C-alpha atoms as a PDB file:
ATOM      1  CA  MET A   1      -0.113   0.039   0.063  1.00  0.00           C
ATOM      2  CA  PRO A   2       1.453   3.332  -1.075  1.00  0.00           C
ATOM      3  CA  LEU A   3       2.307   5.326   2.053  1.00  0.00           C
ATOM      4  CA  ALA A   4       0.220   8.207   1.481  1.00  0.00           C
ATOM      5  CA  CYS A   5      -3.119   5.687   1.340  1.00  0.00           C
ATOM      6  CA  THR A   6      -1.693   3.917   5.022  1.00  0.00           C
ATOM      7  CA  LEU A   7      -1.400   7.854   6.468  1.00  0.00           C
ATOM      8  CA  VAL A   8      -5.112   8.521   5.540  1.00  0.00           C
ATOM      9  CA  LEU A   9      -5.985   5.034   6.795  1.00  0.00           C
ATOM     10  CA  ILE A  10      -4.248   5.608  10.566  1.00  0.00           C
ATOM     11  CA  THR A  11      -5.598   9.161  10.215  1.00  0.00           C
ATOM     12  CA  CYS A  12      -9.544   8.720   9.536  1.00  0.00           C
ATOM     13  CA  VAL A  13      -9.547   5.443  12.003  1.00  0.00           C
ATOM     14  CA  GLY A  14     -12.059   7.184  14.764  1.00  0.00           C
ATOM     15  CA  ALA A  15     -12.098   6.428  17.987  1.00  0.00           C
ATOM     16  CA  GLY A  16     -15.727   4.678  18.160  1.00  0.00           C
ATOM     17  CA  SER A  17     -14.472   2.242  15.438  1.00  0.00           C
ATOM     18  CA  GLY A  18     -13.280  -0.368  18.473  1.00  0.00           C
ATOM     19  CA  ALA A  19     -16.012  -3.083  17.274  1.00  0.00           C
ATOM     20  CA  GLN A  20     -14.633  -3.278  13.598  1.00  0.00           C
ATOM     21  CA  HIS A  21     -12.345  -5.912  12.649  1.00  0.00           C
ATOM     22  CA  SER A  22     -11.258  -6.707   9.511  1.00  0.00           C
ATOM     23  CA  HIS A  23      -9.488 -10.086  10.413  1.00  0.00           C
ATOM     24  CA  ASP A  24     -11.361 -11.939  13.055  1.00  0.00           C
ATOM     25  CA  ILE A  25     -10.263 -12.618  16.771  1.00  0.00           C
ATOM     26  CA  ASP A  26      -8.122 -15.918  15.879  1.00  0.00           C
ATOM     27  CA  PHE A  27      -5.943 -13.675  12.908  1.00  0.00           C
ATOM     28  CA  TRP A  28      -4.879 -11.643  15.795  1.00  0.00           C
ATOM     29  CA  ARG A  29      -4.655 -14.558  18.398  1.00  0.00           C
ATOM     30  CA  THR A  30      -2.275 -16.413  16.122  1.00  0.00           C
ATOM     31  CA  ILE A  31      -0.255 -13.190  16.086  1.00  0.00           C
ATOM     32  CA  VAL A  32       0.108 -12.525  19.777  1.00  0.00           C
ATOM     33  CA  ARG A  33       1.170 -16.219  20.531  1.00  0.00           C
ATOM     34  CA  ASN A  34       3.642 -15.959  17.543  1.00  0.00           C
ATOM     35  CA  HIS A  35       5.279 -12.798  19.983  1.00  0.00           C
ATOM     36  CA  TYR A  36       3.434 -10.205  17.719  1.00  0.00           C
ATOM     37  CA  ALA A  37       5.507 -11.924  14.495  1.00  0.00           C
ATOM     38  CA  LEU A  38       3.833  -9.890  11.623  1.00  0.00           C
ATOM     39  CA  PRO A  39       2.172 -12.410   9.131  1.00  0.00           C
ATOM     40  CA  PRO A  40       4.314 -12.904   5.905  1.00  0.00           C
ATOM     41  CA  GLY A  41       3.147 -10.119   3.313  1.00  0.00           C
ATOM     42  CA  SER A  42       1.446  -8.191   5.462  1.00  0.00           C
ATOM     43  CA  ASP A  43       1.234  -4.202   5.903  1.00  0.00           C
ATOM     44  CA  PRO A  44       2.541  -3.299   9.557  1.00  0.00           C
ATOM     45  CA  ALA A  45       0.576   0.032   9.008  1.00  0.00           C
ATOM     46  CA  GLN A  46      -2.565  -1.151   7.504  1.00  0.00           C
ATOM     47  CA  LEU A  47      -2.970  -3.627  10.451  1.00  0.00           C
ATOM     48  CA  ALA A  48      -1.473  -1.094  12.910  1.00  0.00           C
ATOM     49  CA  THR A  49      -4.879   1.282  11.494  1.00  0.00           C
ATOM     50  CA  GLU A  50      -7.152  -1.667  12.493  1.00  0.00           C
ATOM     51  CA  LEU A  51      -5.224  -1.901  16.269  1.00  0.00           C
ATOM     52  CA  LEU A  52      -5.946   1.336  16.501  1.00  0.00           C
ATOM     53  CA  GLY A  53      -9.880   0.758  16.766  1.00  0.00           C
ATOM     54  CA  ALA A  54      -9.531  -1.823  19.357  1.00  0.00           C
ATOM     55  CA  LEU A  55      -8.594   0.585  21.691  1.00  0.00           C
ATOM     56  CA  SER A  56     -11.983   1.499  22.057  1.00  0.00           C
ATOM     57  CA  SER A  57     -13.169  -1.918  22.734  1.00  0.00           C
ATOM     58  CA  PRO A  58     -14.999  -2.646  25.924  1.00  0.00           C
ATOM     59  CA  ASP A  59     -13.532  -6.155  25.505  1.00  0.00           C
ATOM     60  CA  PRO A  60     -10.321  -6.939  27.652  1.00  0.00           C
ATOM     61  CA  GLU A  61      -8.661  -9.378  25.062  1.00  0.00           C
ATOM     62  CA  TRP A  62      -9.319  -6.951  22.267  1.00  0.00           C
ATOM     63  CA  ARG A  63      -8.280  -3.744  23.642  1.00  0.00           C
ATOM     64  CA  ASP A  64      -5.550  -4.761  26.038  1.00  0.00           C
ATOM     65  CA  GLU A  65      -4.211  -8.229  25.259  1.00  0.00           C
ATOM     66  CA  ILE A  66      -4.633  -7.628  21.139  1.00  0.00           C
ATOM     67  CA  GLY A  67      -4.656  -3.748  20.459  1.00  0.00           C
ATOM     68  CA  TYR A  68      -2.149  -2.063  23.344  1.00  0.00           C
ATOM     69  CA  ALA A  69      -0.041  -5.101  23.496  1.00  0.00           C
ATOM     70  CA  THR A  70       0.648  -5.867  19.641  1.00  0.00           C
ATOM     71  CA  LEU A  71       0.776  -2.137  19.072  1.00  0.00           C
ATOM     72  CA  ALA A  72       3.383  -1.919  21.893  1.00  0.00           C
ATOM     73  CA  SER A  73       5.471  -4.430  20.331  1.00  0.00           C
ATOM     74  CA  TRP A  74       5.772  -3.030  16.816  1.00  0.00           C
ATOM     75  CA  ILE A  75       6.177   0.774  17.750  1.00  0.00           C
ATOM     76  CA  TYR A  76       8.684  -0.109  20.335  1.00  0.00           C
ATOM     77  CA  GLN A  77      10.053  -3.556  20.809  1.00  0.00           C
ATOM     78  CA  GLN A  78      10.205  -4.369  16.930  1.00  0.00           C
ATOM     79  CA  ARG A  79      10.005  -1.276  15.925  1.00  0.00           C
ATOM     80  CA  VAL A  80       8.228  -2.210  12.213  1.00  0.00           C
ATOM     81  CA  LEU A  81       6.465   1.255  12.162  1.00  0.00           C
ATOM     82  CA  GLY A  82       7.750   4.119  10.596  1.00  0.00           C
ATOM     83  CA  ALA A  83       8.098   8.088  11.533  1.00  0.00           C
ATOM     84  CA  ASP A  84       6.098   8.899   9.164  1.00  0.00           C
ATOM     85  CA  VAL A  85       3.130   5.974  10.449  1.00  0.00           C
ATOM     86  CA  LEU A  86       4.129   7.248  14.075  1.00  0.00           C
ATOM     87  CA  ARG A  87       3.282  10.714  13.228  1.00  0.00           C
ATOM     88  CA  ALA A  88      -0.146  10.038  11.604  1.00  0.00           C
ATOM     89  CA  MET A  89      -0.818   7.426  14.423  1.00  0.00           C
ATOM     90  CA  SER A  90      -0.027  10.182  16.979  1.00  0.00           C
ATOM     91  CA  GLU A  91      -2.248  12.345  15.580  1.00  0.00           C
ATOM     92  CA  ARG A  92      -4.654   9.884  15.797  1.00  0.00           C
ATOM     93  CA  LEU A  93      -4.383   9.191  19.251  1.00  0.00           C
ATOM     94  CA  VAL A  94      -4.141  12.871  20.492  1.00  0.00           C
ATOM     95  CA  ALA A  95      -7.663  13.561  18.879  1.00  0.00           C
ATOM     96  CA  ASN A  96      -8.905   9.972  20.406  1.00  0.00           C
ATOM     97  CA  MET A  97      -8.098  11.563  23.949  1.00  0.00           C
ATOM     98  CA  LYS A  98     -10.881  14.326  23.407  1.00  0.00           C
ATOM     99  CA  HIS A  99     -13.656  11.969  22.533  1.00  0.00           C
ATOM    100  CA  GLY A 100     -16.406  12.060  25.013  1.00  0.00           C
ATOM    101  CA  ILE A 101     -14.249  13.840  27.320  1.00  0.00           C
ATOM    102  CA  GLY A 102     -16.287  14.621  30.305  1.00  0.00           C
ATOM    103  CA  ASP A 103     -17.784  11.416  30.625  1.00  0.00           C
ATOM    104  CA  LYS A 104     -18.377   9.612  33.839  1.00  0.00           C
ATOM    105  CA  GLY A 105     -18.678   5.687  33.753  1.00  0.00           C
ATOM    106  CA  THR A 106     -18.918   4.824  30.135  1.00  0.00           C
ATOM    107  CA  ASP A 107     -16.890   3.011  27.753  1.00  0.00           C
ATOM    108  CA  THR A 108     -15.841   6.196  25.780  1.00  0.00           C
ATOM    109  CA  VAL A 109     -13.214   6.357  28.727  1.00  0.00           C
ATOM    110  CA  PHE A 110     -11.453   3.396  27.132  1.00  0.00           C
ATOM    111  CA  ALA A 111     -10.475   5.138  23.635  1.00  0.00           C
ATOM    112  CA  ARG A 112      -9.526   7.710  25.744  1.00  0.00           C
ATOM    113  CA  SER A 113      -7.004   6.344  28.389  1.00  0.00           C
ATOM    114  CA  PHE A 114      -6.171   3.509  25.861  1.00  0.00           C
ATOM    115  CA  SER A 115      -5.204   6.455  23.258  1.00  0.00           C
ATOM    116  CA  ALA A 116      -2.713   7.687  26.168  1.00  0.00           C
ATOM    117  CA  LEU A 117      -1.145   4.775  26.837  1.00  0.00           C
ATOM    118  CA  VAL A 118       0.004   3.897  23.215  1.00  0.00           C
ATOM    119  CA  LEU A 119       1.170   7.431  23.002  1.00  0.00           C
ATOM    120  CA  SER A 120       3.520   6.973  25.910  1.00  0.00           C
ATOM    121  CA  VAL A 121       5.054   4.482  23.643  1.00  0.00           C
ATOM    122  CA  VAL A 122       5.035   6.448  20.785  1.00  0.00           C
ATOM    123  CA  VAL A 123       7.015   9.151  22.910  1.00  0.00           C
ATOM    124  CA  ALA A 124       9.766   6.087  24.564  1.00  0.00           C
ATOM    125  CA  ARG A 125      10.028   5.271  21.017  1.00  0.00           C
ATOM    126  CA  ASP A 126      11.010   8.825  19.815  1.00  0.00           C
ATOM    127  CA  ASN A 127      13.177   9.415  23.140  1.00  0.00           C
ATOM    128  CA  ALA A 128      15.519   6.227  21.902  1.00  0.00           C
ATOM    129  CA  ASP A 129      14.680   6.820  18.196  1.00  0.00           C
ATOM    130  CA  PRO A 130      14.305  10.359  17.730  1.00  0.00           C
ATOM    131  CA  PHE A 131      11.704  11.439  14.700  1.00  0.00           C
ATOM    132  CA  PHE A 132       9.351  13.713  16.511  1.00  0.00           C
ATOM    133  CA  GLN A 133      10.234  17.986  15.511  1.00  0.00           C
ATOM    134  CA  PRO A 134       9.872  20.100  18.275  1.00  0.00           C
ATOM    135  CA  ASP A 135       6.415  21.672  17.099  1.00  0.00           C
ATOM    136  CA  GLU A 136       4.995  17.582  17.148  1.00  0.00           C
ATOM    137  CA  TRP A 137       6.305  16.849  20.621  1.00  0.00           C
ATOM    138  CA  ARG A 138       5.087  20.138  21.995  1.00  0.00           C
ATOM    139  CA  ARG A 139       1.521  19.094  20.487  1.00  0.00           C
ATOM    140  CA  ILE A 140       1.455  15.854  22.179  1.00  0.00           C
ATOM    141  CA  GLU A 141       3.255  17.545  25.609  1.00  0.00           C
ATOM    142  CA  GLN A 142       0.047  19.904  25.470  1.00  0.00           C
ATOM    143  CA  ALA A 143      -2.474  17.433  24.838  1.00  0.00           C
ATOM    144  CA  ALA A 144      -1.383  15.633  27.361  1.00  0.00           C
ATOM    145  CA  VAL A 145      -1.325  17.722  30.117  1.00  0.00           C
ATOM    146  CA  ALA A 146      -4.926  19.236  29.196  1.00  0.00           C
ATOM    147  CA  TYR A 147      -6.606  15.349  28.921  1.00  0.00           C
ATOM    148  CA  PHE A 148      -5.026  14.864  32.482  1.00  0.00           C
ATOM    149  CA  ALA A 149      -7.185  17.948  33.681  1.00  0.00           C
ATOM    150  CA  ALA A 150     -10.041  16.740  32.023  1.00  0.00           C
ATOM    151  CA  GLU A 151     -10.749  13.547  32.399  1.00  0.00           C
ATOM    152  CA  GLN A 152     -13.420  12.856  34.859  1.00  0.00           C
ATOM    153  CA  ASP A 153     -13.712   9.417  34.318  1.00  0.00           C
ATOM    154  CA  VAL A 154     -10.824   7.799  36.904  1.00  0.00           C
ATOM    155  CA  ARG A 155     -12.248   4.384  37.379  1.00  0.00           C
ATOM    156  CA  GLY A 156      -9.247   1.972  37.692  1.00  0.00           C
ATOM    157  CA  TYR A 157     -10.478  -1.297  37.335  1.00  0.00           C
ATOM    158  CA  GLU A 158     -13.683  -3.525  36.737  1.00  0.00           C
ATOM    159  CA  TYR A 159     -13.950  -7.205  36.826  1.00  0.00           C
ATOM    160  CA  GLU A 160     -15.951  -7.475  33.085  1.00  0.00           C
ATOM    161  CA  LYS A 161     -14.144  -4.844  31.127  1.00  0.00           C
ATOM    162  CA  GLY A 162     -10.492  -4.668  32.865  1.00  0.00           C
ATOM    163  CA  TRP A 163      -8.566  -1.912  33.051  1.00  0.00           C
ATOM    164  CA  MET A 164      -9.823   1.602  32.649  1.00  0.00           C
ATOM    165  CA  HIS A 165      -6.988   3.531  33.904  1.00  0.00           C
ATOM    166  CA  SER A 166      -6.724   6.921  32.735  1.00  0.00           C
ATOM    167  CA  ALA A 167      -4.858   8.250  35.476  1.00  0.00           C
ATOM    168  CA  ALA A 168      -2.235   5.804  35.281  1.00  0.00           C
ATOM    169  CA  HIS A 169      -2.107   5.752  31.237  1.00  0.00           C
ATOM    170  CA  THR A 170      -1.668   9.556  31.586  1.00  0.00           C
ATOM    171  CA  ALA A 171       0.790   9.202  34.097  1.00  0.00           C
ATOM    172  CA  ASP A 172       3.066   6.738  31.919  1.00  0.00           C
ATOM    173  CA  LEU A 173       2.525   9.367  29.281  1.00  0.00           C
ATOM    174  CA  ILE A 174       4.026  12.244  31.140  1.00  0.00           C
ATOM    175  CA  LYS A 175       6.986   9.818  32.548  1.00  0.00           C
ATOM    176  CA  PHE A 176       7.938   9.514  28.605  1.00  0.00           C
ATOM    177  CA  LEU A 177       7.629  13.166  27.911  1.00  0.00           C
ATOM    178  CA  GLY A 178       9.437  14.044  31.189  1.00  0.00           C
ATOM    179  CA  ARG A 179      12.795  11.773  29.908  1.00  0.00           C
ATOM    180  CA  SER A 180      12.271  13.863  26.420  1.00  0.00           C
ATOM    181  CA  ARG A 181      15.157  15.952  24.357  1.00  0.00           C
ATOM    182  CA  TYR A 182      12.462  18.500  24.167  1.00  0.00           C
ATOM    183  CA  LEU A 183      11.604  19.336  27.348  1.00  0.00           C
ATOM    184  CA  ASP A 184      12.806  22.692  29.082  1.00  0.00           C
ATOM    185  CA  VAL A 185      12.585  24.320  32.765  1.00  0.00           C
ATOM    186  CA  ALA A 186       9.164  25.453  32.148  1.00  0.00           C
ATOM    187  CA  GLY A 187       8.013  22.407  30.765  1.00  0.00           C
ATOM    188  CA  GLN A 188       9.170  20.508  33.957  1.00  0.00           C
ATOM    189  CA  GLN A 189       7.172  22.682  35.799  1.00  0.00           C
ATOM    190  CA  ARG A 190       3.929  22.440  33.648  1.00  0.00           C
ATOM    191  CA  LEU A 191       4.485  18.359  34.039  1.00  0.00           C
ATOM    192  CA  LEU A 192       4.563  18.843  37.869  1.00  0.00           C
ATOM    193  CA  ASN A 193       2.033  21.183  38.046  1.00  0.00           C
ATOM    194  CA  ALA A 194      -0.355  18.595  35.721  1.00  0.00           C
ATOM    195  CA  PHE A 195       0.365  16.139  39.023  1.00  0.00           C
ATOM    196  CA  ALA A 196      -0.337  18.597  41.657  1.00  0.00           C
ATOM    197  CA  ASP A 197      -3.739  19.555  39.793  1.00  0.00           C
ATOM    198  CA  LYS A 198      -4.634  15.962  39.531  1.00  0.00           C
ATOM    199  CA  LEU A 199      -4.516  15.131  43.040  1.00  0.00           C
ATOM    200  CA  GLU A 200      -6.045  17.936  44.349  1.00  0.00           C
ATOM    201  CA  SER A 201      -8.886  17.519  41.988  1.00  0.00           C
ATOM    202  CA  ALA A 202      -9.714  14.065  41.864  1.00  0.00           C
ATOM    203  CA  PRO A 203     -12.831  12.805  43.536  1.00  0.00           C
ATOM    204  CA  VAL A 204     -11.385   9.624  44.412  1.00  0.00           C
ATOM    205  CA  VAL A 205      -8.902   8.046  46.745  1.00  0.00           C
ATOM    206  CA  PHE A 206      -6.799   6.336  44.084  1.00  0.00           C
ATOM    207  CA  THR A 207      -6.761   2.644  44.701  1.00  0.00           C
ATOM    208  CA  PHE A 208      -5.240   0.720  41.297  1.00  0.00           C
ATOM    209  CA  GLY A 209      -1.858   1.834  41.796  1.00  0.00           C
ATOM    210  CA  GLU A 210      -1.794   5.487  40.353  1.00  0.00           C
ATOM    211  CA  ASP A 211       0.062   6.683  43.150  1.00  0.00           C
ATOM    212  CA  GLU A 212       3.318   4.575  41.670  1.00  0.00           C
ATOM    213  CA  ARG A 213       2.827   5.276  38.479  1.00  0.00           C
ATOM    214  CA  PHE A 214       2.398   9.144  39.583  1.00  0.00           C
ATOM    215  CA  ALA A 215       5.426   8.713  41.316  1.00  0.00           C
ATOM    216  CA  ARG A 216       7.630   7.157  38.549  1.00  0.00           C
ATOM    217  CA  ALA A 217       6.533   9.901  36.223  1.00  0.00           C
ATOM    218  CA  ILE A 218       7.762  12.644  38.991  1.00  0.00           C
ATOM    219  CA  LEU A 219      11.096  10.571  38.971  1.00  0.00           C
ATOM    220  CA  SER A 220      11.462  11.081  35.303  1.00  0.00           C
ATOM    221  CA  VAL A 221      11.808  14.957  36.097  1.00  0.00           C
ATOM    222  CA  ILE A 222      14.114  14.659  39.177  1.00  0.00           C
ATOM    223  CA  ASN A 223      16.452  12.213  36.928  1.00  0.00           C
ATOM    224  CA  ARG A 224      17.073  15.000  34.137  1.00  0.00           C
ATOM    225  CA  ASN A 225      20.536  16.892  34.390  1.00  0.00           C
ATOM    226  CA  ASP A 226      18.598  19.850  34.429  1.00  0.00           C
ATOM    227  CA  PHE A 227      16.393  19.114  36.764  1.00  0.00           C
ATOM    228  CA  ASN A 228      15.121  22.219  38.566  1.00  0.00           C
ATOM    229  CA  ARG A 229      15.449  22.497  41.916  1.00  0.00           C
ATOM    230  CA  ASP A 230      13.456  25.459  42.623  1.00  0.00           C
ATOM    231  CA  GLY A 231      10.456  24.697  40.704  1.00  0.00           C
ATOM    232  CA  PHE A 232      10.399  20.897  42.613  1.00  0.00           C
ATOM    233  CA  THR A 233      10.723  22.920  45.925  1.00  0.00           C
ATOM    234  CA  ALA A 234       7.533  24.793  44.654  1.00  0.00           C
ATOM    235  CA  TRP A 235       6.012  21.543  43.803  1.00  0.00           C
ATOM    236  CA  LEU A 236       6.972  19.937  47.192  1.00  0.00           C
ATOM    237  CA  GLY A 237       5.355  22.954  49.182  1.00  0.00           C
ATOM    238  CA  ARG A 238       1.717  22.704  46.909  1.00  0.00           C
ATOM    239  CA  SER A 239       1.877  19.143  46.849  1.00  0.00           C
ATOM    240  CA  LYS A 240       2.313  18.230  50.911  1.00  0.00           C
ATOM    241  CA  PRO A 241      -0.852  17.782  52.389  1.00  0.00           C
ATOM    242  CA  PRO A 242      -1.894  20.833  54.701  1.00  0.00           C
ATOM    243  CA  PRO A 243      -3.755  20.240  58.292  1.00  0.00           C
ATOM    244  CA  VAL A 244      -7.716  19.639  56.582  1.00  0.00           C
ATOM    245  CA  ARG A 245     -11.121  20.527  57.615  1.00  0.00           C
ATOM    246  CA  PRO A 246     -13.461  17.127  58.300  1.00  0.00           C
ATOM    247  CA  ALA A 247     -14.949  17.225  54.723  1.00  0.00           C
ATOM    248  CA  VAL A 248     -14.585  14.545  52.184  1.00  0.00           C
ATOM    249  CA  ALA A 249     -12.836  16.274  49.084  1.00  0.00           C
ATOM    250  CA  GLU A 250     -10.035  17.819  51.534  1.00  0.00           C
ATOM    251  CA  LEU A 251      -9.310  14.187  53.075  1.00  0.00           C
ATOM    252  CA  ARG A 252      -9.589  12.658  49.950  1.00  0.00           C
ATOM    253  CA  SER A 253      -6.910  15.117  48.205  1.00  0.00           C
ATOM    254  CA  ALA A 254      -4.730  15.065  51.423  1.00  0.00           C
ATOM    255  CA  GLN A 255      -4.187  11.040  50.820  1.00  0.00           C
ATOM    256  CA  ASN A 256      -3.754  10.893  47.426  1.00  0.00           C
ATOM    257  CA  ARG A 257      -0.760  13.406  48.127  1.00  0.00           C
ATOM    258  CA  LYS A 258       0.479  12.011  51.013  1.00  0.00           C
ATOM    259  CA  ASN A 259       0.315   8.353  49.128  1.00  0.00           C
ATOM    260  CA  VAL A 260       2.432   9.810  46.341  1.00  0.00           C
ATOM    261  CA  LEU A 261       4.944  11.533  48.163  1.00  0.00           C
ATOM    262  CA  ALA A 262       5.421   8.268  50.133  1.00  0.00           C
ATOM    263  CA  LYS A 263       5.765   6.413  46.912  1.00  0.00           C
ATOM    264  CA  LEU A 264       8.220   8.490  45.491  1.00  0.00           C
ATOM    265  CA  GLU A 265      10.261   8.706  48.560  1.00  0.00           C
ATOM    266  CA  VAL A 266      10.595   4.845  48.155  1.00  0.00           C
ATOM    267  CA  LEU A 267      11.840   5.004  44.941  1.00  0.00           C
ATOM    268  CA  LEU A 268      14.414   7.604  45.878  1.00  0.00           C
ATOM    269  CA  SER A 269      15.638   5.658  48.302  1.00  0.00           C
ATOM    270  CA  THR A 270      16.011   1.892  46.523  1.00  0.00           C
ATOM    271  CA  SER A 271      18.400   4.197  43.980  1.00  0.00           C
ATOM    272  CA  ALA A 272      21.627   2.319  44.362  1.00  0.00           C
ATOM    273  CA  ALA A 273      23.641   5.406  42.930  1.00  0.00           C
ATOM    274  CA  PRO A 274      21.588   8.542  42.965  1.00  0.00           C
ATOM    275  CA  SER A 275      22.497  11.796  41.254  1.00  0.00           C
ATOM    276  CA  GLU A 276      22.870  14.876  43.339  1.00  0.00           C
ATOM    277  CA  GLY A 277      19.911  15.963  42.243  1.00  0.00           C
ATOM    278  CA  ALA A 278      17.743  13.020  43.649  1.00  0.00           C
ATOM    279  CA  ALA A 279      19.354  12.653  46.438  1.00  0.00           C
ATOM    280  CA  TRP A 280      18.456  16.031  47.393  1.00  0.00           C
ATOM    281  CA  ALA A 281      15.076  15.755  46.150  1.00  0.00           C
ATOM    282  CA  ARG A 282      15.038  12.611  48.318  1.00  0.00           C
ATOM    283  CA  ASP A 283      15.841  14.445  50.972  1.00  0.00           C
ATOM    284  CA  SER A 284      13.625  17.118  50.659  1.00  0.00           C
ATOM    285  CA  VAL A 285      10.715  14.711  50.315  1.00  0.00           C
ATOM    286  CA  ARG A 286      11.281  12.940  53.456  1.00  0.00           C
ATOM    287  CA  SER A 287      11.462  15.960  55.333  1.00  0.00           C
ATOM    288  CA  ALA A 288       8.191  16.906  53.975  1.00  0.00           C
ATOM    289  CA  LEU A 289       6.890  13.423  54.875  1.00  0.00           C
ATOM    290  CA  LYS A 290       7.792  13.758  58.844  1.00  0.00           C
ATOM    291  CA  ASP A 291       4.616  15.355  59.897  1.00  0.00           C
ATOM    292  CA  LEU A 292       2.379  13.183  57.838  1.00  0.00           C
ATOM    293  CA  PHE A 293       3.161   9.877  59.512  1.00  0.00           C
END
């Protein structure tokens, strides 16, 4: 298939197309069993287009085990998808993160959340094998921060439909953005503030491992060579839970912030050879936690 046609296909796959599968599930199960090896004579870009539709499926096998897992392998481990295809795919994933935004308790969350997760793999690929131009990368950064703030469906997991995990998946995207060559000092602050905002406003206490995913994303900023200590100090002051009034929202926010700081301290403490900046951040977090336990 000519490249231009392939890009059109990828760009036109909408978030609501999860139920449309050109190949049956046995075709994809065979690919999974074969460690995601491409079938002989197949066009990986055309197959990737089909997989993008699977991200919105409420069926966890289609969405997680086939859609996400296969795309992750083809994007990062095997790298069978080229830069032009990944650029077009990224545009589609960014658009998907706006699909049904504001919904709560509906299946539209799958397209948004898993698009953020796949986009995290695309950004990881760019970190390892650069292909994004600065303006392309910044559109993704802006979209990630905007989506993190706007997403209202923060369910973690349901037995029948599996993982929703929008907060954790967005944290994964921000983690890889935090490692990018394009992130500057102001960008570090934007990413840290995005976590502060989410921890203050989340309508639940996160109980599905989101706190660790948040902490790992924050650690990406700390581990940078250009780590901005002043900005981190400001974020830490904002993130330390204050004495709270006996109201549910304040107690919930305080618990989320306490949990993330505790996980961040563990991650910083278990580093065998922390950088000077990471050691400083560890001591700063420990100081902030003293009054909380």
